[in-house]
Amino acid sequence: MKNNAKTCQSCGMPMTKPEDFGTEADGSSSVEYCMYCYQNGSFTEPDITMEEMAEKGGAIMSQMFEIPAEKAVGFAKEQLSCLKRWAGREIKTCKSCGMPLARDEDYGTEENGSKSSKYCIYCYKDGKFIEPDLTKEEAVEKYAPMMAEHLGMPLEKAKMMVNSYLSSLPRWQ
């Protein structure tokens, strides 16, 4: 069963349930922003900077995943820089690993050589997954040690974080 999770384009929170979505001025659900960032057609904190948002998000990640605070804030800032509110445009991400597809050279290729609209160069080439038999569980085992080392966090917490993130991506649903 596929879920139609979206990511808040302000804070990066996964929005999986109707109550996660913010509201427009007419009371309808926002398609881009979560309930914490957007209500009644306006940002709840219109003057917050990306750095301040990264501080908030980093503090939460630090607590949840035992990431040193400075690394958590830096990671949050990297993630926020790809979101519409902060980048000024929506930047696509790979539907397999989540890598931002910010430049043409980041995209994988289709069988005819054209760029893929869904996948990055590390996951997809010539119309096929580079690792077609990779399971989500194997992907967690592959990516979690890199995340743990990069962020200075315990491996078990990295596995939880990577599993949660991959679960929101179409390839793994």
Protein backbone atom coordinates (compact mmCIF):
# COMPACT_ATOMS: atom_id res chain seq x y z
CA MET A 1 0.00 0.00 0.00
CA LYS A 2 1.49 3.32 -1.03
CA ASN A 3 1.20 6.30 1.24
CA ASN A 4 0.94 9.78 -0.13
CA ALA A 5 3.33 11.38 2.33
CA LYS A 6 4.49 14.85 1.50
CA THR A 7 7.20 16.89 3.11
CA CYS A 8 6.53 20.32 4.57
CA GLN A 9 8.32 22.81 2.31
CA SER A 10 9.16 24.96 5.34
CA CYS A 11 10.44 22.58 8.04
CA GLY A 12 10.78 19.22 6.27
CA MET A 13 8.33 17.38 8.51
CA PRO A 14 6.70 14.36 6.84
CA MET A 15 2.97 14.96 6.45
CA THR A 16 1.27 11.57 6.38
CA LYS A 17 -2.14 12.20 7.95
CA PRO A 18 -4.73 14.85 7.03
CA GLU A 19 -4.24 16.54 10.41
CA ASP A 20 -0.53 17.05 9.64
CA PHE A 21 -1.30 19.56 6.88
CA GLY A 22 -1.57 23.29 7.47
CA THR A 23 -4.59 25.29 6.32
CA GLU A 24 -5.17 27.86 3.64
CA ALA A 25 -7.16 31.08 4.26
CA ASP A 26 -10.32 29.39 2.94
CA GLY A 27 -9.93 26.50 5.42
CA SER A 28 -8.72 23.96 2.85
CA SER A 29 -5.59 21.92 3.48
CA SER A 30 -2.28 23.32 2.35
CA VAL A 31 -0.53 21.09 -0.17
CA GLU A 32 2.93 22.40 0.77
CA TYR A 33 3.11 23.21 4.47
CA CYS A 34 2.47 21.46 7.80
CA MET A 35 0.15 22.46 10.62
CA TYR A 36 3.04 23.81 12.69
CA CYS A 37 4.35 26.13 9.98
CA TYR A 38 1.21 27.27 8.21
CA GLN A 39 -2.30 28.18 9.42
CA ASN A 40 -5.08 30.20 7.84
CA GLY A 41 -3.00 30.92 4.74
CA SER A 42 0.02 32.36 6.58
CA PHE A 43 3.23 31.15 8.13
CA THR A 44 2.91 30.80 11.90
CA GLU A 45 6.37 32.40 12.25
CA PRO A 46 6.64 34.67 9.22
CA ASP A 47 9.89 36.30 10.33
CA ILE A 48 11.82 33.17 11.33
CA THR A 49 15.10 32.74 9.48
CA MET A 50 16.41 29.51 8.06
CA GLU A 51 19.12 29.55 10.74
CA GLU A 52 16.50 29.86 13.50
CA MET A 53 14.45 27.05 11.93
CA ALA A 54 17.60 24.90 11.77
CA GLU A 55 18.25 25.58 15.46
CA LYS A 56 14.74 24.36 16.33
CA GLY A 57 14.87 21.32 14.06
CA GLY A 58 18.42 20.50 15.10
CA ALA A 59 17.46 20.54 18.77
CA ILE A 60 14.67 18.05 18.09
CA MET A 61 16.93 15.78 16.01
CA SER A 62 19.67 15.98 18.61
CA GLN A 63 17.29 14.81 21.31
CA MET A 64 15.54 12.12 19.23
CA PHE A 65 18.62 10.58 17.62
CA GLU A 66 21.45 11.46 20.04
CA ILE A 67 23.23 13.62 17.46
CA PRO A 68 25.67 16.21 18.83
CA ALA A 69 23.80 19.53 18.78
CA GLU A 70 26.17 21.36 16.41
CA LYS A 71 26.06 18.53 13.85
CA ALA A 72 22.27 18.25 14.15
CA VAL A 73 21.83 21.98 13.44
CA GLY A 74 24.21 21.77 10.47
CA PHE A 75 22.32 18.78 9.08
CA ALA A 76 18.98 20.55 9.59
CA LYS A 77 20.30 23.56 7.70
CA GLU A 78 21.42 21.36 4.78
CA GLN A 79 17.97 19.79 4.63
CA LEU A 80 16.12 23.10 4.91
CA SER A 81 18.15 24.68 2.10
CA CYS A 82 16.37 22.38 -0.37
CA LEU A 83 12.84 23.31 0.70
CA LYS A 84 10.68 25.77 -1.20
CA ARG A 85 10.38 28.31 1.62
CA TRP A 86 14.16 28.69 1.85
CA ALA A 87 15.34 27.82 -1.68
CA GLY A 88 12.69 29.95 -3.38
CA ARG A 89 11.71 26.93 -5.47
CA GLU A 90 10.84 23.33 -4.88
CA ILE A 91 13.87 21.11 -5.43
CA LYS A 92 13.02 17.54 -6.40
CA THR A 93 14.57 14.69 -4.47
CA CYS A 94 15.43 11.15 -5.54
CA LYS A 95 12.47 8.85 -4.91
CA SER A 96 14.89 6.10 -3.89
CA CYS A 97 17.50 7.70 -1.58
CA GLY A 98 16.19 11.24 -1.04
CA MET A 99 19.21 13.05 -2.51
CA PRO A 100 18.33 16.57 -3.69
CA LEU A 101 18.19 16.83 -7.48
CA ALA A 102 19.40 20.42 -7.56
CA ARG A 103 21.56 20.22 -10.71
CA ASP A 104 21.12 18.45 -14.04
CA GLU A 105 24.11 16.23 -13.31
CA ASP A 106 22.38 14.90 -10.16
CA TYR A 107 19.71 13.09 -12.19
CA GLY A 108 19.97 9.45 -13.23
CA THR A 109 19.29 8.46 -16.83
CA GLU A 110 16.54 6.67 -18.69
CA GLU A 111 17.21 3.90 -21.23
CA ASN A 112 17.23 6.46 -24.08
CA GLY A 113 19.82 8.62 -22.29
CA SER A 114 17.40 11.34 -21.15
CA LYS A 115 17.47 12.40 -17.51
CA SER A 116 15.20 10.57 -15.11
CA SER A 117 12.47 12.68 -13.57
CA LYS A 118 12.51 10.63 -10.36
CA TYR A 119 15.92 9.22 -9.49
CA CYS A 120 19.51 10.31 -8.88
CA ILE A 121 22.67 9.26 -10.67
CA TYR A 122 23.68 7.03 -7.73
CA CYS A 123 20.44 5.00 -7.78
CA TYR A 124 19.40 4.88 -11.43
CA LYS A 125 21.20 4.50 -14.77
CA ASP A 126 20.04 3.57 -18.27
CA GLY A 127 16.44 3.11 -17.12
CA LYS A 128 17.27 0.69 -14.31
CA PHE A 129 18.12 0.80 -10.64
CA ILE A 130 21.85 0.36 -10.12
CA GLU A 131 21.00 -2.09 -7.31
CA PRO A 132 17.67 -3.54 -8.49
CA ASP A 133 17.47 -6.23 -5.80
CA LEU A 134 18.29 -3.91 -2.89
CA THR A 135 15.62 -4.15 -0.19
CA LYS A 136 14.73 -1.35 2.18
CA GLU A 137 16.27 -3.31 5.03
CA GLU A 138 19.52 -3.70 3.07
CA ALA A 139 19.45 0.01 2.22
CA VAL A 140 19.13 0.85 5.93
CA GLU A 141 22.12 -1.41 6.70
CA LYS A 142 24.10 0.24 3.88
CA TYR A 143 23.28 3.91 4.59
CA ALA A 144 23.00 3.97 8.41
CA PRO A 145 26.75 3.52 9.11
CA MET A 146 27.52 6.47 6.80
CA MET A 147 24.89 8.60 8.55
CA ALA A 148 26.15 7.57 11.99
CA GLU A 149 29.70 8.52 11.09
CA HIS A 150 28.72 11.76 9.34
CA LEU A 151 26.57 12.97 12.24
CA GLY A 152 28.44 11.38 15.16
CA MET A 153 25.39 9.45 16.31
CA PRO A 154 24.88 5.90 17.61
CA LEU A 155 24.44 3.33 14.83
CA GLU A 156 21.10 2.08 16.20
CA LYS A 157 19.71 5.63 16.18
CA ALA A 158 21.02 6.09 12.62
CA LYS A 159 19.20 2.91 11.59
CA MET A 160 15.97 4.26 13.07
CA MET A 161 16.43 7.60 11.32
CA VAL A 162 17.31 6.09 7.91
CA ASN A 163 14.48 3.54 8.12
CA SER A 164 11.96 6.25 8.91
CA TYR A 165 13.18 8.44 6.06
CA LEU A 166 13.34 5.66 3.46
CA SER A 167 9.81 4.59 4.43
CA SER A 168 8.56 7.94 3.14
CA LEU A 169 10.11 7.45 -0.33
CA PRO A 170 8.13 5.85 -3.19
CA ARG A 171 10.70 3.15 -4.03
CA TRP A 172 10.30 1.62 -0.58
CA GLN A 173 6.52 1.78 -0.16
